[in-house]
Each structure stands twice: as structure tokens, then as C-alpha cells.
């Protein structure tokens, strides 16, 4: 299971601006950790992925292309059974919670 999150939901790097967005992503990150713990015995991996700043209608111009943002989600969705669970990643690298 892959939850598409944002670094805006990282408590370590949270700052002002757009409080509803950051708080909702922090809640999603918390849900990721809870589900990972609950589903571990079932062999289901649950991770959160931040695609980064992507040039979409929401992200606006100047961000990375959509395919680059999607690559991190695809990486997490295709992890082997022995892959990480309960993590927060961007481009396959861990992010601080």
C-alpha cells in the first residue's frame, strides 16, 4: 500500500503556511505507521511517498515532470516482500517523519 504524502507532513521540517495541507499529510503519515504495524503479520507493506514538487495544476510550473513524481510511487508499489514497511520516502530515499 502506498500513501501519497508530502514533506509538508513531516513534523521535523514542518513550517508555517498551508496548515490544513501539512496537518492532513501528517495525519496520513501517522496512518501509514499504524497500518504498517497492523498489516505486518499479513505481509502487506505500507509506506508513504512524497513525490516532491511536481509540475501539475496543483504544483504549478517549475516542478519536476509528472513521470519523475510517479517514479517514487511506482518504486514503493513494486517493492519486494522483503522491502521496507512503515517508511516515508522520496525517490526511494527515507525522509524524516
Protein backbone atom coordinates (compact mmCIF):
# COMPACT_ATOMS: atom_id res chain seq x y z
CA UNK A 1 0.00 0.00 0.00
CA UNK A 2 1.37 3.40 -0.96
CA UNK A 3 0.08 6.61 0.58
CA UNK A 4 0.99 9.68 -1.47
CA UNK A 5 2.12 12.19 1.11
CA UNK A 6 4.25 15.32 1.18
CA UNK A 7 7.28 16.54 3.06
CA UNK A 8 4.84 19.18 4.35
CA UNK A 9 3.58 16.40 6.63
CA UNK A 10 6.99 15.83 8.21
CA UNK A 11 6.91 17.02 11.81
CA UNK A 12 10.68 17.51 11.67
CA UNK A 13 10.55 20.00 8.82
CA UNK A 14 7.02 21.42 9.26
CA UNK A 15 6.80 25.20 8.99
CA UNK A 16 4.14 27.85 8.54
CA UNK A 17 1.82 28.23 5.58
CA UNK A 18 -0.99 25.99 4.31
CA UNK A 19 -1.76 24.46 7.73
CA UNK A 20 -4.63 22.25 6.55
CA UNK A 21 -2.47 20.63 3.87
CA UNK A 22 0.50 19.95 6.16
CA UNK A 23 -1.66 18.69 9.01
CA UNK A 24 -3.63 16.38 6.70
CA UNK A 25 -0.36 14.93 5.36
CA UNK A 26 0.95 14.48 8.93
CA UNK A 27 -2.24 12.54 9.69
CA UNK A 28 -1.71 10.43 6.57
CA UNK A 29 1.86 9.71 7.70
CA UNK A 30 0.57 8.64 11.12
CA UNK A 31 -1.98 6.36 9.44
CA UNK A 32 0.84 4.89 7.36
CA UNK A 33 2.76 3.93 10.51
CA UNK A 34 -0.35 2.48 12.19
CA UNK A 35 -1.37 0.44 9.14
CA UNK A 36 2.19 -0.82 8.62
CA UNK A 37 2.19 -2.16 12.16
CA UNK A 38 -1.29 -3.68 11.82
CA UNK A 39 -0.62 -5.34 8.45
CA UNK A 40 2.95 -6.52 9.03
CA UNK A 41 1.83 -10.03 10.03
CA UNK A 42 -0.22 -10.24 6.82
CA UNK A 43 2.87 -9.48 4.75
CA UNK A 44 1.42 -6.22 3.46
CA UNK A 45 3.89 -3.36 3.12
CA UNK A 46 2.59 0.14 3.84
CA UNK A 47 4.69 3.20 3.05
CA UNK A 48 4.24 6.92 2.46
CA UNK A 49 5.85 8.58 -0.54
CA UNK A 50 6.47 12.25 -1.21
CA UNK A 51 6.73 12.79 -4.97
CA UNK A 52 8.34 16.20 -4.45
CA UNK A 53 7.44 19.37 -6.29
CA UNK A 54 5.75 18.24 -9.49
CA UNK A 55 4.59 20.43 -12.39
CA UNK A 56 0.86 19.75 -12.15
CA UNK A 57 -2.18 22.01 -11.90
CA UNK A 58 -1.68 21.98 -8.11
CA UNK A 59 2.12 22.23 -8.12
CA UNK A 60 2.36 24.82 -10.85
CA UNK A 61 5.16 25.34 -13.34
CA UNK A 62 8.78 24.79 -12.40
CA UNK A 63 8.42 21.43 -10.69
CA UNK A 64 9.70 18.08 -11.90
CA UNK A 65 7.83 16.28 -14.69
CA UNK A 66 4.92 14.07 -13.66
CA UNK A 67 6.74 10.86 -14.64
CA UNK A 68 9.53 11.67 -12.18
CA UNK A 69 6.99 12.19 -9.38
CA UNK A 70 5.25 8.96 -10.27
CA UNK A 71 8.53 7.01 -10.25
CA UNK A 72 8.75 7.10 -6.44
CA UNK A 73 5.19 5.84 -6.10
CA UNK A 74 5.86 3.03 -8.59
CA UNK A 75 9.06 2.15 -6.68
CA UNK A 76 7.10 1.78 -3.44
CA UNK A 77 4.26 -0.13 -5.10
CA UNK A 78 6.65 -2.69 -6.56
CA UNK A 79 8.85 -3.34 -3.52
CA UNK A 80 9.70 -6.99 -2.91
CA UNK A 81 8.05 -8.74 0.03
CA UNK A 82 11.25 -8.16 2.00
CA UNK A 83 11.09 -4.39 1.38
CA UNK A 84 10.62 -1.69 4.00
CA UNK A 85 7.29 -1.03 5.65
CA UNK A 86 6.16 1.91 7.74
CA UNK A 87 8.55 4.28 5.97
CA UNK A 88 8.38 7.74 4.45
CA UNK A 89 10.31 8.12 1.18
CA UNK A 90 11.12 10.40 -1.74
CA UNK A 91 12.91 8.95 -4.77
CA UNK A 92 13.48 5.73 -2.80
CA UNK A 93 15.33 7.54 -0.01
CA UNK A 94 13.98 7.89 3.56
CA UNK A 95 12.55 11.19 4.73
CA UNK A 96 12.34 12.27 8.39
CA UNK A 97 8.94 11.91 10.00
